[in-house]
Amino acid sequence: MGQSDQALLELSYLGKYLSRMAQSSELRNDWACLKTQRTMSMTVDAWNLLGDLSDTADLSRSEVLEVLIRFSMDMGIDPAEIKTELLRKVAVPT
């Protein structure tokens, strides 16, 4: 088997693997979308508030973020504007 045949075979396996991954991921979430895992950073205060929200809603932290993100997009919310207003309340210079 030549190198190009081997590369095509590997791409075929990769495609099948990704397809299976997408199908199984779609079945495991309410949005029927492929999930991904990423590292994020936030203040400890924000982490604790996110925990409070998730406890109150009986959702995971990632589910709360998903809902808030989708809601913000749906409502046309401008995060930069909201950040400025929130920082004004705590007197942190922007």
N, C-alpha and C. Protein backbone atom coordinates (compact mmCIF):
# COMPACT_ATOMS: atom_id res chain seq x y z
N MET A 1 0.85 -1.17 0.00
CA MET A 1 0.00 0.00 0.00
C MET A 1 0.89 1.24 0.00
N GLY A 2 0.62 2.16 -0.92
CA GLY A 2 1.41 3.38 -1.01
C GLY A 2 1.03 4.39 0.06
N GLN A 3 1.85 5.45 0.16
CA GLN A 3 1.60 6.47 1.18
C GLN A 3 0.26 7.17 0.97
N SER A 4 -0.09 7.45 -0.29
CA SER A 4 -1.36 8.14 -0.54
C SER A 4 -2.54 7.22 -0.20
N ASP A 5 -2.41 5.91 -0.48
CA ASP A 5 -3.47 4.97 -0.10
C ASP A 5 -3.61 4.91 1.42
N GLN A 6 -2.49 4.90 2.12
CA GLN A 6 -2.50 4.87 3.58
C GLN A 6 -3.16 6.14 4.13
N ALA A 7 -2.83 7.28 3.54
CA ALA A 7 -3.40 8.55 4.00
C ALA A 7 -4.92 8.56 3.78
N LEU A 8 -5.37 8.06 2.64
CA LEU A 8 -6.82 8.00 2.37
C LEU A 8 -7.52 7.06 3.35
N LEU A 9 -6.89 5.95 3.67
CA LEU A 9 -7.45 5.01 4.62
C LEU A 9 -7.57 5.65 6.00
N GLU A 10 -6.53 6.38 6.41
CA GLU A 10 -6.55 7.05 7.70
C GLU A 10 -7.63 8.13 7.74
N LEU A 11 -7.79 8.87 6.64
CA LEU A 11 -8.84 9.89 6.57
C LEU A 11 -10.22 9.25 6.64
N SER A 12 -10.37 8.09 6.02
CA SER A 12 -11.63 7.37 6.06
C SER A 12 -11.98 6.96 7.49
N TYR A 13 -10.99 6.41 8.20
CA TYR A 13 -11.20 6.03 9.59
C TYR A 13 -11.53 7.26 10.45
N LEU A 14 -10.81 8.36 10.20
CA LEU A 14 -11.05 9.58 10.95
C LEU A 14 -12.47 10.09 10.71
N GLY A 15 -12.90 10.08 9.47
CA GLY A 15 -14.25 10.51 9.13
C GLY A 15 -15.31 9.67 9.83
N LYS A 16 -15.11 8.36 9.82
CA LYS A 16 -16.06 7.47 10.50
C LYS A 16 -16.07 7.72 12.00
N TYR A 17 -14.89 7.93 12.58
CA TYR A 17 -14.78 8.19 14.01
C TYR A 17 -15.51 9.49 14.37
N LEU A 18 -15.26 10.55 13.61
CA LEU A 18 -15.89 11.84 13.88
C LEU A 18 -17.41 11.75 13.71
N SER A 19 -17.85 10.99 12.73
CA SER A 19 -19.28 10.81 12.51
C SER A 19 -19.92 10.11 13.70
N ARG A 20 -19.28 9.06 14.20
CA ARG A 20 -19.80 8.35 15.37
C ARG A 20 -19.80 9.27 16.60
N MET A 21 -18.74 10.07 16.73
CA MET A 21 -18.64 10.99 17.84
C MET A 21 -19.79 12.01 17.80
N ALA A 22 -20.03 12.55 16.62
CA ALA A 22 -21.09 13.55 16.46
C ALA A 22 -22.45 12.94 16.77
N GLN A 23 -22.70 11.74 16.30
CA GLN A 23 -23.99 11.10 16.55
C GLN A 23 -24.18 10.84 18.03
N SER A 24 -23.16 10.32 18.70
CA SER A 24 -23.32 10.02 20.12
C SER A 24 -23.42 11.30 20.93
N SER A 25 -22.68 12.36 20.53
CA SER A 25 -22.75 13.62 21.25
C SER A 25 -24.11 14.27 21.07
N GLU A 26 -24.66 14.19 19.87
CA GLU A 26 -25.96 14.80 19.61
C GLU A 26 -27.04 14.15 20.46
N LEU A 27 -26.89 12.89 20.75
CA LEU A 27 -27.89 12.20 21.54
C LEU A 27 -27.80 12.56 23.01
N ARG A 28 -26.66 13.11 23.42
CA ARG A 28 -26.45 13.37 24.85
C ARG A 28 -26.73 14.80 25.26
N ASN A 29 -27.20 15.66 24.38
CA ASN A 29 -27.49 17.02 24.80
C ASN A 29 -28.80 17.51 24.20
N ASP A 30 -29.38 18.50 24.87
CA ASP A 30 -30.69 19.02 24.47
C ASP A 30 -30.66 19.83 23.17
N TRP A 31 -29.49 20.26 22.76
CA TRP A 31 -29.37 21.16 21.62
C TRP A 31 -29.14 20.42 20.31
N ALA A 32 -28.91 19.12 20.37
CA ALA A 32 -28.60 18.31 19.19
C ALA A 32 -27.42 18.91 18.42
N CYS A 33 -26.41 19.35 19.16
CA CYS A 33 -25.21 19.94 18.58
C CYS A 33 -23.98 19.19 19.11
N LEU A 34 -22.96 19.16 18.32
CA LEU A 34 -21.71 18.55 18.73
C LEU A 34 -21.13 19.35 19.89
N LYS A 35 -20.71 18.65 20.93
CA LYS A 35 -20.12 19.31 22.09
C LYS A 35 -18.60 19.37 21.95
N THR A 36 -18.00 20.33 22.64
CA THR A 36 -16.56 20.43 22.70
C THR A 36 -16.19 20.81 24.13
N GLN A 37 -14.98 20.48 24.52
CA GLN A 37 -14.52 20.82 25.87
C GLN A 37 -13.33 21.75 25.73
N ARG A 38 -13.39 22.88 26.42
CA ARG A 38 -12.33 23.88 26.36
C ARG A 38 -12.03 24.36 27.77
N THR A 39 -10.86 24.91 27.94
CA THR A 39 -10.47 25.52 29.21
C THR A 39 -10.84 26.99 29.16
N MET A 40 -11.43 27.47 30.24
CA MET A 40 -11.80 28.88 30.36
C MET A 40 -11.26 29.40 31.68
N SER A 41 -11.07 30.70 31.75
CA SER A 41 -10.70 31.28 33.04
C SER A 41 -11.73 32.35 33.38
N MET A 42 -12.00 32.47 34.67
CA MET A 42 -12.90 33.50 35.17
C MET A 42 -12.52 33.77 36.62
N THR A 43 -13.02 34.85 37.15
CA THR A 43 -12.72 35.15 38.55
C THR A 43 -13.36 34.11 39.45
N VAL A 44 -12.84 33.99 40.65
CA VAL A 44 -13.40 33.07 41.63
C VAL A 44 -14.84 33.49 41.95
N ASP A 45 -15.07 34.80 42.02
CA ASP A 45 -16.43 35.29 42.28
C ASP A 45 -17.39 34.82 41.19
N ALA A 46 -16.98 34.94 39.93
CA ALA A 46 -17.84 34.50 38.82
C ALA A 46 -18.08 32.99 38.89
N TRP A 47 -17.04 32.23 39.24
CA TRP A 47 -17.18 30.78 39.37
C TRP A 47 -18.21 30.43 40.45
N ASN A 48 -18.13 31.13 41.58
CA ASN A 48 -19.06 30.89 42.67
C ASN A 48 -20.49 31.29 42.30
N LEU A 49 -20.63 32.42 41.61
CA LEU A 49 -21.96 32.84 41.15
C LEU A 49 -22.53 31.84 40.14
N LEU A 50 -21.68 31.35 39.27
CA LEU A 50 -22.11 30.33 38.30
C LEU A 50 -22.57 29.07 39.04
N GLY A 51 -21.85 28.72 40.10
CA GLY A 51 -22.25 27.58 40.92
C GLY A 51 -23.60 27.80 41.59
N ASP A 52 -23.82 29.02 42.09
CA ASP A 52 -25.11 29.35 42.70
C ASP A 52 -26.24 29.25 41.67
N LEU A 53 -26.00 29.80 40.47
CA LEU A 53 -27.00 29.71 39.40
C LEU A 53 -27.29 28.26 39.03
N SER A 54 -26.24 27.46 38.93
CA SER A 54 -26.43 26.07 38.53
C SER A 54 -27.17 25.29 39.62
N ASP A 55 -26.87 25.57 40.88
CA ASP A 55 -27.58 24.90 41.98
C ASP A 55 -29.06 25.28 41.98
N THR A 56 -29.34 26.57 41.82
CA THR A 56 -30.72 27.05 41.83
C THR A 56 -31.52 26.46 40.67
N ALA A 57 -30.90 26.38 39.51
CA ALA A 57 -31.59 25.88 38.31
C ALA A 57 -31.53 24.36 38.19
N ASP A 58 -30.76 23.71 39.05
CA ASP A 58 -30.54 22.26 38.97
C ASP A 58 -29.98 21.86 37.60
N LEU A 59 -29.00 22.66 37.17
CA LEU A 59 -28.27 22.42 35.92
C LEU A 59 -26.78 22.42 36.22
N SER A 60 -25.99 21.87 35.33
CA SER A 60 -24.54 21.96 35.48
C SER A 60 -24.08 23.38 35.13
N ARG A 61 -22.87 23.71 35.54
CA ARG A 61 -22.33 25.02 35.19
C ARG A 61 -22.28 25.21 33.67
N SER A 62 -21.87 24.17 32.96
CA SER A 62 -21.78 24.30 31.50
C SER A 62 -23.16 24.48 30.87
N GLU A 63 -24.18 23.84 31.44
CA GLU A 63 -25.54 24.04 30.92
C GLU A 63 -26.02 25.47 31.16
N VAL A 64 -25.71 26.01 32.33
CA VAL A 64 -26.08 27.40 32.62
C VAL A 64 -25.41 28.33 31.61
N LEU A 65 -24.12 28.12 31.36
CA LEU A 65 -23.42 28.96 30.38
C LEU A 65 -24.05 28.83 28.99
N GLU A 66 -24.38 27.60 28.60
CA GLU A 66 -25.01 27.36 27.29
C GLU A 66 -26.31 28.16 27.18
N VAL A 67 -27.15 28.10 28.21
CA VAL A 67 -28.42 28.81 28.21
C VAL A 67 -28.20 30.32 28.14
N LEU A 68 -27.28 30.83 28.96
CA LEU A 68 -27.02 32.26 28.98
C LEU A 68 -26.46 32.76 27.65
N ILE A 69 -25.59 31.99 27.06
CA ILE A 69 -25.01 32.38 25.76
C ILE A 69 -26.09 32.41 24.69
N ARG A 70 -26.88 31.35 24.62
CA ARG A 70 -27.94 31.29 23.60
C ARG A 70 -28.98 32.39 23.82
N PHE A 71 -29.34 32.64 25.08
CA PHE A 71 -30.29 33.70 25.40
C PHE A 71 -29.73 35.07 24.99
N SER A 72 -28.47 35.31 25.31
CA SER A 72 -27.83 36.58 24.96
C SER A 72 -27.83 36.81 23.45
N MET A 73 -27.52 35.77 22.70
CA MET A 73 -27.52 35.89 21.23
C MET A 73 -28.94 36.14 20.72
N ASP A 74 -29.90 35.43 21.28
CA ASP A 74 -31.29 35.56 20.86
C ASP A 74 -31.84 36.96 21.15
N MET A 75 -31.42 37.54 22.27
CA MET A 75 -31.92 38.85 22.69
C MET A 75 -31.07 40.01 22.17
N GLY A 76 -29.98 39.70 21.48
CA GLY A 76 -29.12 40.76 20.96
C GLY A 76 -28.38 41.53 22.05
N ILE A 77 -28.03 40.84 23.11
CA ILE A 77 -27.35 41.47 24.24
C ILE A 77 -25.89 41.77 23.89
N ASP A 78 -25.43 42.96 24.25
CA ASP A 78 -24.05 43.37 23.98
C ASP A 78 -23.22 43.18 25.25
N PRO A 79 -22.39 42.12 25.31
CA PRO A 79 -21.61 41.85 26.53
C PRO A 79 -20.68 42.99 26.92
N ALA A 80 -20.11 43.69 25.95
CA ALA A 80 -19.18 44.78 26.27
C ALA A 80 -19.92 45.91 27.00
N GLU A 81 -21.12 46.21 26.55
CA GLU A 81 -21.92 47.26 27.19
C GLU A 81 -22.30 46.85 28.62
N ILE A 82 -22.71 45.60 28.78
CA ILE A 82 -23.10 45.12 30.11
C ILE A 82 -21.89 45.10 31.04
N LYS A 83 -20.73 44.69 30.53
CA LYS A 83 -19.52 44.67 31.35
C LYS A 83 -19.21 46.08 31.87
N THR A 84 -19.30 47.07 30.99
CA THR A 84 -19.04 48.46 31.39
C THR A 84 -19.99 48.89 32.50
N GLU A 85 -21.27 48.56 32.36
CA GLU A 85 -22.25 48.94 33.37
C GLU A 85 -22.00 48.22 34.69
N LEU A 86 -21.66 46.95 34.64
CA LEU A 86 -21.38 46.19 35.86
C LEU A 86 -20.14 46.72 36.58
N LEU A 87 -19.11 47.05 35.79
CA LEU A 87 -17.89 47.57 36.41
C LEU A 87 -18.13 48.93 37.04
N ARG A 88 -19.02 49.73 36.46
CA ARG A 88 -19.38 51.02 37.06
C ARG A 88 -19.95 50.83 38.46
N LYS A 89 -20.71 49.77 38.65
CA LYS A 89 -21.34 49.51 39.95
C LYS A 89 -20.32 49.18 41.03
N VAL A 90 -19.21 48.57 40.63
CA VAL A 90 -18.19 48.22 41.63
C VAL A 90 -17.02 49.19 41.60
N ALA A 91 -17.13 50.26 40.83
CA ALA A 91 -16.12 51.33 40.75
C ALA A 91 -14.75 50.80 40.33
N VAL A 92 -14.73 49.85 39.40
CA VAL A 92 -13.47 49.36 38.83
C VAL A 92 -13.27 50.10 37.51
N PRO A 93 -12.13 50.77 37.32
CA PRO A 93 -11.92 51.50 36.06
C PRO A 93 -11.86 50.53 34.87
N THR A 94 -12.46 50.98 33.76
CA THR A 94 -12.45 50.15 32.54
C THR A 94 -11.43 50.64 31.56
